[in-house]
Amino acid sequence: MAAAIHTPSVEATVTVRVSQAATGDLVAGARAQIERIDGLRVEEIEIAGLRPGLNDTTVEAVATLAVGEEAGPDTDPDDAAGFVVVDRVRERLADGFGVDPERVERVDPPD
């Protein structure tokens, strides 16, 4: 019997700088900026606010992110609340260029 592969999801409130030269709309620009970060894929994103600037627009967004293995799988059986994944995603978002995490929390409980 094959084991199911579980991809954890987190919800993050982030501030993203979107270049005015970016293709598409602000949602597409924010999605692209977040997905440049290894191990994260945007499942859903909603714009919550914006501040225009000279070279970029600062977008406040709430995003549901799928976490790939390269972001650090949740392998600790004692980590019932998924803190390992949340901390790793928060660190990756903070290290991403033009992305500032404000809130990161687990969406689905580990199996």
PDB file of N, CA and C in Angstrom:
ATOM      1  N   MET A   1       0.836  -1.176   0.000  1.00  0.00           N
ATOM      2  CA  MET A   1       0.000   0.000   0.000  1.00  0.00           C
ATOM      3  C   MET A   1       0.881   1.239   0.000  1.00  0.00           C
ATOM      4  N   ALA A   2       0.642   2.153  -0.895  1.00  0.00           N
ATOM      5  CA  ALA A   2       1.447   3.366  -1.019  1.00  0.00           C
ATOM      6  C   ALA A   2       1.021   4.396   0.019  1.00  0.00           C
ATOM      7  N   ALA A   3       2.006   5.110   0.514  1.00  0.00           N
ATOM      8  CA  ALA A   3       1.722   6.172   1.473  1.00  0.00           C
ATOM      9  C   ALA A   3       1.335   7.440   0.717  1.00  0.00           C
ATOM     10  N   ALA A   4       0.403   8.163   1.274  1.00  0.00           N
ATOM     11  CA  ALA A   4      -0.027   9.422   0.666  1.00  0.00           C
ATOM     12  C   ALA A   4       1.029  10.493   0.918  1.00  0.00           C
ATOM     13  N   ILE A   5       1.283  11.296  -0.082  1.00  0.00           N
ATOM     14  CA  ILE A   5       2.209  12.406   0.075  1.00  0.00           C
ATOM     15  C   ILE A   5       1.397  13.612   0.502  1.00  0.00           C
ATOM     16  N   HIS A   6       1.790  14.179   1.625  1.00  0.00           N
ATOM     17  CA  HIS A   6       1.057  15.312   2.181  1.00  0.00           C
ATOM     18  C   HIS A   6       1.890  16.573   2.013  1.00  0.00           C
ATOM     19  N   THR A   7       1.354  17.552   1.345  1.00  0.00           N
ATOM     20  CA  THR A   7       2.014  18.839   1.189  1.00  0.00           C
ATOM     21  C   THR A   7       1.375  19.813   2.168  1.00  0.00           C
ATOM     22  N   PRO A   8       2.126  20.232   3.189  1.00  0.00           N
ATOM     23  CA  PRO A   8       1.539  21.155   4.154  1.00  0.00           C
ATOM     24  C   PRO A   8       1.245  22.508   3.521  1.00  0.00           C
ATOM     25  N   SER A   9       0.250  23.194   4.057  1.00  0.00           N
ATOM     26  CA  SER A   9      -0.095  24.536   3.604  1.00  0.00           C
ATOM     27  C   SER A   9      -0.041  25.489   4.783  1.00  0.00           C
ATOM     28  N   VAL A  10       0.365  26.710   4.487  1.00  0.00           N
ATOM     29  CA  VAL A  10       0.365  27.755   5.495  1.00  0.00           C
ATOM     30  C   VAL A  10      -0.324  28.977   4.919  1.00  0.00           C
ATOM     31  N   GLU A  11      -0.860  29.793   5.800  1.00  0.00           N
ATOM     32  CA  GLU A  11      -1.429  31.069   5.383  1.00  0.00           C
ATOM     33  C   GLU A  11      -0.492  32.150   5.900  1.00  0.00           C
ATOM     34  N   ALA A  12      -0.152  33.076   5.017  1.00  0.00           N
ATOM     35  CA  ALA A  12       0.775  34.138   5.395  1.00  0.00           C
ATOM     36  C   ALA A  12       0.219  35.496   4.988  1.00  0.00           C
ATOM     37  N   THR A  13       0.341  36.436   5.903  1.00  0.00           N
ATOM     38  CA  THR A  13       0.078  37.831   5.578  1.00  0.00           C
ATOM     39  C   THR A  13       1.446  38.433   5.306  1.00  0.00           C
ATOM     40  N   VAL A  14       1.631  38.966   4.105  1.00  0.00           N
ATOM     41  CA  VAL A  14       2.933  39.452   3.690  1.00  0.00           C
ATOM     42  C   VAL A  14       2.828  40.834   3.056  1.00  0.00           C
ATOM     43  N   THR A  15       3.929  41.529   3.070  1.00  0.00           N
ATOM     44  CA  THR A  15       4.075  42.761   2.314  1.00  0.00           C
ATOM     45  C   THR A  15       5.053  42.441   1.195  1.00  0.00           C
ATOM     46  N   VAL A  16       4.633  42.713  -0.042  1.00  0.00           N
ATOM     47  CA  VAL A  16       5.432  42.362  -1.212  1.00  0.00           C
ATOM     48  C   VAL A  16       5.658  43.611  -2.053  1.00  0.00           C
ATOM     49  N   ARG A  17       6.904  43.844  -2.444  1.00  0.00           N
ATOM     50  CA  ARG A  17       7.197  44.941  -3.355  1.00  0.00           C
ATOM     51  C   ARG A  17       7.092  44.417  -4.786  1.00  0.00           C
ATOM     52  N   VAL A  18       6.188  45.002  -5.554  1.00  0.00           N
ATOM     53  CA  VAL A  18       5.966  44.598  -6.938  1.00  0.00           C
ATOM     54  C   VAL A  18       6.466  45.729  -7.837  1.00  0.00           C
ATOM     55  N   SER A  19       7.402  45.408  -8.709  1.00  0.00           N
ATOM     56  CA  SER A  19       7.963  46.394  -9.620  1.00  0.00           C
ATOM     57  C   SER A  19       6.891  46.916 -10.562  1.00  0.00           C
ATOM     58  N   GLN A  20       6.964  48.205 -10.861  1.00  0.00           N
ATOM     59  CA  GLN A  20       6.014  48.772 -11.819  1.00  0.00           C
ATOM     60  C   GLN A  20       6.273  48.251 -13.224  1.00  0.00           C
ATOM     61  N   ALA A  21       7.439  47.649 -13.454  1.00  0.00           N
ATOM     62  CA  ALA A  21       7.765  47.062 -14.755  1.00  0.00           C
ATOM     63  C   ALA A  21       7.326  45.597 -14.844  1.00  0.00           C
ATOM     64  N   ALA A  22       6.753  45.053 -13.781  1.00  0.00           N
ATOM     65  CA  ALA A  22       6.321  43.653 -13.780  1.00  0.00           C
ATOM     66  C   ALA A  22       5.181  43.455 -14.770  1.00  0.00           C
ATOM     67  N   THR A  23       5.156  42.281 -15.389  1.00  0.00           N
ATOM     68  CA  THR A  23       4.075  41.974 -16.319  1.00  0.00           C
ATOM     69  C   THR A  23       2.835  41.535 -15.553  1.00  0.00           C
ATOM     70  N   GLY A  24       1.678  41.791 -16.113  1.00  0.00           N
ATOM     71  CA  GLY A  24       0.425  41.395 -15.483  1.00  0.00           C
ATOM     72  C   GLY A  24      -0.038  42.417 -14.462  1.00  0.00           C
ATOM     73  N   ASP A  25      -0.996  41.998 -13.653  1.00  0.00           N
ATOM     74  CA  ASP A  25      -1.552  42.881 -12.634  1.00  0.00           C
ATOM     75  C   ASP A  25      -0.802  42.714 -11.311  1.00  0.00           C
ATOM     76  N   LEU A  26      -1.258  43.406 -10.268  1.00  0.00           N
ATOM     77  CA  LEU A  26      -0.580  43.337  -8.973  1.00  0.00           C
ATOM     78  C   LEU A  26      -0.654  41.951  -8.346  1.00  0.00           C
ATOM     79  N   VAL A  27      -1.754  41.253  -8.567  1.00  0.00           N
ATOM     80  CA  VAL A  27      -1.881  39.898  -8.023  1.00  0.00           C
ATOM     81  C   VAL A  27      -0.821  39.001  -8.654  1.00  0.00           C
ATOM     82  N   ALA A  28      -0.696  39.070  -9.982  1.00  0.00           N
ATOM     83  CA  ALA A  28       0.302  38.259 -10.681  1.00  0.00           C
ATOM     84  C   ALA A  28       1.715  38.640 -10.250  1.00  0.00           C
ATOM     85  N   GLY A  29       1.962  39.929 -10.062  1.00  0.00           N
ATOM     86  CA  GLY A  29       3.276  40.382  -9.625  1.00  0.00           C
ATOM     87  C   GLY A  29       3.619  39.908  -8.224  1.00  0.00           C
ATOM     88  N   ALA A  30       2.658  39.974  -7.307  1.00  0.00           N
ATOM     89  CA  ALA A  30       2.884  39.501  -5.938  1.00  0.00           C
ATOM     90  C   ALA A  30       3.092  37.994  -5.921  1.00  0.00           C
ATOM     91  N   ARG A  31       2.288  37.275  -6.707  1.00  0.00           N
ATOM     92  CA  ARG A  31       2.424  35.816  -6.803  1.00  0.00           C
ATOM     93  C   ARG A  31       3.816  35.448  -7.315  1.00  0.00           C
ATOM     94  N   ALA A  32       4.263  36.114  -8.377  1.00  0.00           N
ATOM     95  CA  ALA A  32       5.569  35.818  -8.955  1.00  0.00           C
ATOM     96  C   ALA A  32       6.698  36.101  -7.967  1.00  0.00           C
ATOM     97  N   GLN A  33       6.588  37.193  -7.226  1.00  0.00           N
ATOM     98  CA  GLN A  33       7.629  37.554  -6.257  1.00  0.00           C
ATOM     99  C   GLN A  33       7.721  36.497  -5.157  1.00  0.00           C
ATOM    100  N   ILE A  34       6.587  36.017  -4.662  1.00  0.00           N
ATOM    101  CA  ILE A  34       6.591  34.994  -3.613  1.00  0.00           C
ATOM    102  C   ILE A  34       7.100  33.669  -4.169  1.00  0.00           C
ATOM    103  N   GLU A  35       6.691  33.309  -5.385  1.00  0.00           N
ATOM    104  CA  GLU A  35       7.081  32.010  -5.948  1.00  0.00           C
ATOM    105  C   GLU A  35       8.539  31.960  -6.383  1.00  0.00           C
ATOM    106  N   ARG A  36       9.237  33.080  -6.341  1.00  0.00           N
ATOM    107  CA  ARG A  36      10.686  33.063  -6.576  1.00  0.00           C
ATOM    108  C   ARG A  36      11.419  32.420  -5.403  1.00  0.00           C
ATOM    109  N   ILE A  37      10.741  32.288  -4.293  1.00  0.00           N
ATOM    110  CA  ILE A  37      11.334  31.701  -3.095  1.00  0.00           C
ATOM    111  C   ILE A  37      11.237  30.184  -3.206  1.00  0.00           C
ATOM    112  N   ASP A  38      12.386  29.512  -3.093  1.00  0.00           N
ATOM    113  CA  ASP A  38      12.436  28.052  -3.209  1.00  0.00           C
ATOM    114  C   ASP A  38      11.515  27.374  -2.209  1.00  0.00           C
ATOM    115  N   GLY A  39      10.789  26.381  -2.691  1.00  0.00           N
ATOM    116  CA  GLY A  39       9.968  25.556  -1.821  1.00  0.00           C
ATOM    117  C   GLY A  39       8.581  26.083  -1.527  1.00  0.00           C
ATOM    118  N   LEU A  40       8.211  27.236  -2.101  1.00  0.00           N
ATOM    119  CA  LEU A  40       6.886  27.799  -1.853  1.00  0.00           C
ATOM    120  C   LEU A  40       6.129  27.949  -3.164  1.00  0.00           C
ATOM    121  N   ARG A  41       4.866  27.589  -3.130  1.00  0.00           N
ATOM    122  CA  ARG A  41       3.980  27.779  -4.279  1.00  0.00           C
ATOM    123  C   ARG A  41       2.708  28.424  -3.767  1.00  0.00           C
ATOM    124  N   VAL A  42       2.248  29.468  -4.447  1.00  0.00           N
ATOM    125  CA  VAL A  42       1.047  30.191  -4.037  1.00  0.00           C
ATOM    126  C   VAL A  42      -0.174  29.420  -4.519  1.00  0.00           C
ATOM    127  N   GLU A  43      -1.024  28.996  -3.585  1.00  0.00           N
ATOM    128  CA  GLU A  43      -2.288  28.344  -3.942  1.00  0.00           C
ATOM    129  C   GLU A  43      -3.382  29.394  -4.150  1.00  0.00           C
ATOM    130  N   GLU A  44      -3.450  30.356  -3.250  1.00  0.00           N
ATOM    131  CA  GLU A  44      -4.420  31.455  -3.322  1.00  0.00           C
ATOM    132  C   GLU A  44      -3.745  32.714  -2.817  1.00  0.00           C
ATOM    133  N   ILE A  45      -4.166  33.841  -3.381  1.00  0.00           N
ATOM    134  CA  ILE A  45      -3.635  35.120  -2.909  1.00  0.00           C
ATOM    135  C   ILE A  45      -4.723  36.174  -3.056  1.00  0.00           C
ATOM    136  N   GLU A  46      -4.817  37.021  -2.039  1.00  0.00           N
ATOM    137  CA  GLU A  46      -5.803  38.101  -2.036  1.00  0.00           C
ATOM    138  C   GLU A  46      -5.110  39.384  -1.604  1.00  0.00           C
ATOM    139  N   ILE A  47      -5.306  40.428  -2.376  1.00  0.00           N
ATOM    140  CA  ILE A  47      -4.709  41.721  -2.059  1.00  0.00           C
ATOM    141  C   ILE A  47      -5.535  42.386  -0.956  1.00  0.00           C
ATOM    142  N   ALA A  48      -4.856  42.823   0.106  1.00  0.00           N
ATOM    143  CA  ALA A  48      -5.537  43.453   1.234  1.00  0.00           C
ATOM    144  C   ALA A  48      -5.280  44.957   1.291  1.00  0.00           C
ATOM    145  N   GLY A  49      -4.282  45.423   0.559  1.00  0.00           N
ATOM    146  CA  GLY A  49      -3.975  46.852   0.552  1.00  0.00           C
ATOM    147  C   GLY A  49      -2.780  47.122  -0.341  1.00  0.00           C
ATOM    148  N   LEU A  50      -2.560  48.394  -0.673  1.00  0.00           N
ATOM    149  CA  LEU A  50      -1.395  48.744  -1.490  1.00  0.00           C
ATOM    150  C   LEU A  50      -0.979  50.175  -1.248  1.00  0.00           C
ATOM    151  N   ARG A  51       0.320  50.411  -1.488  1.00  0.00           N
ATOM    152  CA  ARG A  51       0.905  51.749  -1.386  1.00  0.00           C
ATOM    153  C   ARG A  51       1.774  51.952  -2.624  1.00  0.00           C
ATOM    154  N   PRO A  52       1.387  52.879  -3.511  1.00  0.00           N
ATOM    155  CA  PRO A  52       2.207  53.142  -4.695  1.00  0.00           C
ATOM    156  C   PRO A  52       3.515  53.826  -4.311  1.00  0.00           C
ATOM    157  N   GLY A  53       4.564  53.493  -5.047  1.00  0.00           N
ATOM    158  CA  GLY A  53       5.861  54.122  -4.831  1.00  0.00           C
ATOM    159  C   GLY A  53       6.445  54.557  -6.163  1.00  0.00           C
ATOM    160  N   LEU A  54       7.630  55.109  -6.131  1.00  0.00           N
ATOM    161  CA  LEU A  54       8.269  55.615  -7.337  1.00  0.00           C
ATOM    162  C   LEU A  54       8.619  54.490  -8.307  1.00  0.00           C
ATOM    163  N   ASN A  55       9.239  53.410  -7.804  1.00  0.00           N
ATOM    164  CA  ASN A  55       9.684  52.316  -8.668  1.00  0.00           C
ATOM    165  C   ASN A  55       8.912  51.020  -8.477  1.00  0.00           C
ATOM    166  N   ASP A  56       8.166  50.944  -7.406  1.00  0.00           N
ATOM    167  CA  ASP A  56       7.406  49.727  -7.144  1.00  0.00           C
ATOM    168  C   ASP A  56       6.149  50.058  -6.357  1.00  0.00           C
ATOM    169  N   THR A  57       5.276  49.084  -6.257  1.00  0.00           N
ATOM    170  CA  THR A  57       4.064  49.206  -5.457  1.00  0.00           C
ATOM    171  C   THR A  57       4.172  48.215  -4.313  1.00  0.00           C
ATOM    172  N   THR A  58       3.960  48.677  -3.107  1.00  0.00           N
ATOM    173  CA  THR A  58       3.982  47.791  -1.950  1.00  0.00           C
ATOM    174  C   THR A  58       2.584  47.220  -1.777  1.00  0.00           C
ATOM    175  N   VAL A  59       2.499  45.897  -1.866  1.00  0.00           N
ATOM    176  CA  VAL A  59       1.229  45.192  -1.810  1.00  0.00           C
ATOM    177  C   VAL A  59       1.142  44.427  -0.499  1.00  0.00           C
ATOM    178  N   GLU A  60       0.052  44.623   0.225  1.00  0.00           N
ATOM    179  CA  GLU A  60      -0.229  43.809   1.400  1.00  0.00           C
ATOM    180  C   GLU A  60      -1.157  42.703   0.930  1.00  0.00           C
ATOM    181  N   ALA A  61      -0.775  41.455   1.190  1.00  0.00           N
ATOM    182  CA  ALA A  61      -1.536  40.325   0.671  1.00  0.00           C
ATOM    183  C   ALA A  61      -1.654  39.221   1.710  1.00  0.00           C
ATOM    184  N   VAL A  62      -2.716  38.444   1.567  1.00  0.00           N
ATOM    185  CA  VAL A  62      -2.897  37.225   2.350  1.00  0.00           C
ATOM    186  C   VAL A  62      -2.808  36.080   1.360  1.00  0.00           C
ATOM    187  N   ALA A  63      -1.843  35.187   1.584  1.00  0.00           N
ATOM    188  CA  ALA A  63      -1.601  34.106   0.639  1.00  0.00           C
ATOM    189  C   ALA A  63      -1.636  32.756   1.339  1.00  0.00           C
ATOM    190  N   THR A  64      -2.237  31.774   0.677  1.00  0.00           N
ATOM    191  CA  THR A  64      -2.145  30.391   1.114  1.00  0.00           C
ATOM    192  C   THR A  64      -1.040  29.770   0.285  1.00  0.00           C
ATOM    193  N   LEU A  65      -0.042  29.217   0.977  1.00  0.00           N
ATOM    194  CA  LEU A  65       1.149  28.701   0.326  1.00  0.00           C
ATOM    195  C   LEU A  65       1.268  27.202   0.513  1.00  0.00           C
ATOM    196  N   ALA A  66       1.565  26.480  -0.564  1.00  0.00           N
ATOM    197  CA  ALA A  66       1.894  25.061  -0.477  1.00  0.00           C
ATOM    198  C   ALA A  66       3.387  24.985  -0.213  1.00  0.00           C
ATOM    199  N   VAL A  67       3.772  24.123   0.697  1.00  0.00           N
ATOM    200  CA  VAL A  67       5.163  24.009   1.109  1.00  0.00           C
ATOM    201  C   VAL A  67       5.755  22.748   0.512  1.00  0.00           C
ATOM    202  N   GLY A  68       6.776  22.911  -0.316  1.00  0.00           N
ATOM    203  CA  GLY A  68       7.470  21.773  -0.907  1.00  0.00           C
ATOM    204  C   GLY A  68       8.511  21.217   0.047  1.00  0.00           C
ATOM    205  N   GLU A  69       9.050  20.058  -0.294  1.00  0.00           N
ATOM    206  CA  GLU A  69      10.037  19.413   0.568  1.00  0.00           C
ATOM    207  C   GLU A  69      11.278  20.256   0.771  1.00  0.00           C
ATOM    208  N   GLU A  70      11.677  21.020  -0.277  1.00  0.00           N
ATOM    209  CA  GLU A  70      12.884  21.827  -0.142  1.00  0.00           C
ATOM    210  C   GLU A  70      12.737  22.931   0.895  1.00  0.00           C
ATOM    211  N   ALA A  71      11.505  23.256   1.297  1.00  0.00           N
ATOM    212  CA  ALA A  71      11.300  24.239   2.370  1.00  0.00           C
ATOM    213  C   ALA A  71      11.386  23.591   3.730  1.00  0.00           C
ATOM    214  N   GLY A  72      11.513  22.278   3.753  1.00  0.00           N
ATOM    215  CA  GLY A  72      11.653  21.580   5.017  1.00  0.00           C
ATOM    216  C   GLY A  72      10.393  20.853   5.399  1.00  0.00           C
ATOM    217  N   PRO A  73      10.322  19.538   5.161  1.00  0.00           N
ATOM    218  CA  PRO A  73       9.129  18.791   5.503  1.00  0.00           C
ATOM    219  C   PRO A  73       8.920  18.746   7.007  1.00  0.00           C
ATOM    220  N   ASP A  74       7.702  18.573   7.390  1.00  0.00           N
ATOM    221  CA  ASP A  74       7.335  18.472   8.799  1.00  0.00           C
ATOM    222  C   ASP A  74       7.522  17.016   9.207  1.00  0.00           C
ATOM    223  N   THR A  75       8.730  16.667   9.666  1.00  0.00           N
ATOM    224  CA  THR A  75       9.033  15.268   9.953  1.00  0.00           C
ATOM    225  C   THR A  75       9.091  14.955  11.437  1.00  0.00           C
ATOM    226  N   ASP A  76       8.985  15.941  12.286  1.00  0.00           N
ATOM    227  CA  ASP A  76       9.080  15.733  13.719  1.00  0.00           C
ATOM    228  C   ASP A  76       7.727  15.288  14.269  1.00  0.00           C
ATOM    229  N   PRO A  77       7.606  14.027  14.719  1.00  0.00           N
ATOM    230  CA  PRO A  77       6.315  13.557  15.203  1.00  0.00           C
ATOM    231  C   PRO A  77       5.836  14.272  16.458  1.00  0.00           C
ATOM    232  N   ASP A  78       6.756  14.904  17.196  1.00  0.00           N
ATOM    233  CA  ASP A  78       6.367  15.644  18.396  1.00  0.00           C
ATOM    234  C   ASP A  78       5.884  17.054  18.066  1.00  0.00           C
ATOM    235  N   ASP A  79       5.952  17.443  16.808  1.00  0.00           N
ATOM    236  CA  ASP A  79       5.575  18.787  16.384  1.00  0.00           C
ATOM    237  C   ASP A  79       4.121  18.784  15.914  1.00  0.00           C
ATOM    238  N   ALA A  80       3.217  18.527  16.827  1.00  0.00           N
ATOM    239  CA  ALA A  80       1.798  18.361  16.484  1.00  0.00           C
ATOM    240  C   ALA A  80       1.176  19.620  15.902  1.00  0.00           C
ATOM    241  N   ALA A  81       1.686  20.774  16.234  1.00  0.00           N
ATOM    242  CA  ALA A  81       1.086  22.022  15.744  1.00  0.00           C
ATOM    243  C   ALA A  81       1.708  22.500  14.438  1.00  0.00           C
ATOM    244  N   GLY A  82       2.710  21.806  13.929  1.00  0.00           N
ATOM    245  CA  GLY A  82       3.327  22.196  12.669  1.00  0.00           C
ATOM    246  C   GLY A  82       4.258  23.391  12.790  1.00  0.00           C
ATOM    247  N   PHE A  83       4.828  23.597  13.976  1.00  0.00           N
ATOM    248  CA  PHE A  83       5.681  24.766  14.184  1.00  0.00           C
ATOM    249  C   PHE A  83       6.942  24.726  13.327  1.00  0.00           C
ATOM    250  N   VAL A  84       7.462  23.536  13.042  1.00  0.00           N
ATOM    251  CA  VAL A  84       8.678  23.432  12.242  1.00  0.00           C
ATOM    252  C   VAL A  84       8.437  24.017  10.859  1.00  0.00           C
ATOM    253  N   VAL A  85       7.351  23.635  10.217  1.00  0.00           N
ATOM    254  CA  VAL A  85       7.035  24.139   8.882  1.00  0.00           C
ATOM    255  C   VAL A  85       6.786  25.636   8.922  1.00  0.00           C
ATOM    256  N   VAL A  86       6.022  26.101   9.861  1.00  0.00           N
ATOM    257  CA  VAL A  86       5.702  27.527   9.968  1.00  0.00           C
ATOM    258  C   VAL A  86       6.975  28.346  10.143  1.00  0.00           C
ATOM    259  N   ASP A  87       7.868  27.911  11.015  1.00  0.00           N
ATOM    260  CA  ASP A  87       9.111  28.646  11.234  1.00  0.00           C
ATOM    261  C   ASP A  87       9.978  28.667   9.984  1.00  0.00           C
ATOM    262  N   ARG A  88      10.056  27.544   9.286  1.00  0.00           N
ATOM    263  CA  ARG A  88      10.865  27.494   8.061  1.00  0.00           C
ATOM    264  C   ARG A  88      10.267  28.375   6.972  1.00  0.00           C
ATOM    265  N   VAL A  89       8.961  28.382   6.841  1.00  0.00           N
ATOM    266  CA  VAL A  89       8.323  29.241   5.836  1.00  0.00           C
ATOM    267  C   VAL A  89       8.535  30.701   6.197  1.00  0.00           C
ATOM    268  N   ARG A  90       8.382  31.051   7.460  1.00  0.00           N
ATOM    269  CA  ARG A  90       8.604  32.433   7.903  1.00  0.00           C
ATOM    270  C   ARG A  90      10.038  32.867   7.569  1.00  0.00           C
ATOM    271  N   GLU A  91      11.016  31.994   7.830  1.00  0.00           N
ATOM    272  CA  GLU A  91      12.409  32.302   7.523  1.00  0.00           C
ATOM    273  C   GLU A  91      12.626  32.469   6.026  1.00  0.00           C
ATOM    274  N   ARG A  92      12.044  31.584   5.234  1.00  0.00           N
ATOM    275  CA  ARG A  92      12.204  31.675   3.778  1.00  0.00           C
ATOM    276  C   ARG A  92      11.564  32.950   3.236  1.00  0.00           C
ATOM    277  N   LEU A  93      10.385  33.285   3.723  1.00  0.00           N
ATOM    278  CA  LEU A  93       9.734  34.521   3.275  1.00  0.00           C
ATOM    279  C   LEU A  93      10.587  35.736   3.636  1.00  0.00           C
ATOM    280  N   ALA A  94      11.116  35.751   4.847  1.00  0.00           N
ATOM    281  CA  ALA A  94      11.932  36.874   5.301  1.00  0.00           C
ATOM    282  C   ALA A  94      13.219  36.995   4.484  1.00  0.00           C
ATOM    283  N   ASP A  95      13.760  35.873   4.028  1.00  0.00           N
ATOM    284  CA  ASP A  95      14.973  35.878   3.225  1.00  0.00           C
ATOM    285  C   ASP A  95      14.702  36.211   1.758  1.00  0.00           C
ATOM    286  N   GLY A  96      13.426  36.128   1.341  1.00  0.00           N
ATOM    287  CA  GLY A  96      13.080  36.410  -0.050  1.00  0.00           C
ATOM    288  C   GLY A  96      13.172  37.889  -0.355  1.00  0.00           C
ATOM    289  N   PHE A  97      13.659  38.216  -1.542  1.00  0.00           N
ATOM    290  CA  PHE A  97      13.807  39.607  -1.942  1.00  0.00           C
ATOM    291  C   PHE A  97      12.438  40.240  -2.145  1.00  0.00           C
ATOM    292  N   GLY A  98      12.211  41.378  -1.493  1.00  0.00           N
ATOM    293  CA  GLY A  98      10.981  42.127  -1.686  1.00  0.00           C
ATOM    294  C   GLY A  98       9.769  41.551  -0.976  1.00  0.00           C
ATOM    295  N   VAL A  99       9.992  40.629  -0.037  1.00  0.00           N
ATOM    296  CA  VAL A  99       8.885  39.995   0.691  1.00  0.00           C
ATOM    297  C   VAL A  99       9.149  40.139   2.190  1.00  0.00           C
ATOM    298  N   ASP A 100       8.136  40.601   2.920  1.00  0.00           N
ATOM    299  CA  ASP A 100       8.251  40.766   4.367  1.00  0.00           C
ATOM    300  C   ASP A 100       7.056  40.083   5.028  1.00  0.00           C
ATOM    301  N   PRO A 101       7.282  38.966   5.727  1.00  0.00           N
ATOM    302  CA  PRO A 101       6.162  38.268   6.379  1.00  0.00           C
ATOM    303  C   PRO A 101       5.711  38.996   7.640  1.00  0.00           C
ATOM    304  N   GLU A 102       4.413  39.124   7.798  1.00  0.00           N
ATOM    305  CA  GLU A 102       3.853  39.724   9.006  1.00  0.00           C
ATOM    306  C   GLU A 102       3.253  38.653   9.912  1.00  0.00           C
ATOM    307  N   ARG A 103       2.588  37.673   9.296  1.00  0.00           N
ATOM    308  CA  ARG A 103       1.957  36.586  10.045  1.00  0.00           C
ATOM    309  C   ARG A 103       2.044  35.324   9.204  1.00  0.00           C
ATOM    310  N   VAL A 104       2.456  34.215   9.831  1.00  0.00           N
ATOM    311  CA  VAL A 104       2.513  32.925   9.150  1.00  0.00           C
ATOM    312  C   VAL A 104       1.932  31.888  10.102  1.00  0.00           C
ATOM    313  N   GLU A 105       0.949  31.125   9.635  1.00  0.00           N
ATOM    314  CA  GLU A 105       0.365  30.080  10.494  1.00  0.00           C
ATOM    315  C   GLU A 105      -0.047  28.879   9.657  1.00  0.00           C
ATOM    316  N   ARG A 106      -0.096  27.738  10.303  1.00  0.00           N
ATOM    317  CA  ARG A 106      -0.437  26.476   9.642  1.00  0.00           C
ATOM    318  C   ARG A 106      -1.907  26.458   9.306  1.00  0.00           C
ATOM    319  N   VAL A 107      -2.254  26.029   8.090  1.00  0.00           N
ATOM    320  CA  VAL A 107      -3.644  25.945   7.666  1.00  0.00           C
ATOM    321  C   VAL A 107      -4.223  24.582   7.984  1.00  0.00           C
ATOM    322  N   ASP A 108      -3.489  23.533   7.630  1.00  0.00           N
ATOM    323  CA  ASP A 108      -4.019  22.190   7.837  1.00  0.00           C
ATOM    324  C   ASP A 108      -3.171  21.457   8.866  1.00  0.00           C
ATOM    325  N   PRO A 109      -3.810  20.720   9.752  1.00  0.00           N
ATOM    326  CA  PRO A 109      -3.054  19.998  10.781  1.00  0.00           C
ATOM    327  C   PRO A 109      -2.291  18.833  10.159  1.00  0.00           C
ATOM    328  N   PRO A 110      -1.111  18.485  10.727  1.00  0.00           N
ATOM    329  CA  PRO A 110      -0.364  17.338  10.209  1.00  0.00           C
ATOM    330  C   PRO A 110      -1.143  16.051  10.446  1.00  0.00           C
ATOM    331  N   ASP A 111      -0.943  15.091   9.536  1.00  0.00           N
ATOM    332  CA  ASP A 111      -1.625  13.782   9.670  1.00  0.00           C
ATOM    333  C   ASP A 111      -0.945  12.900  10.672  1.00  0.00           C
TER     334      ASP A 111
END
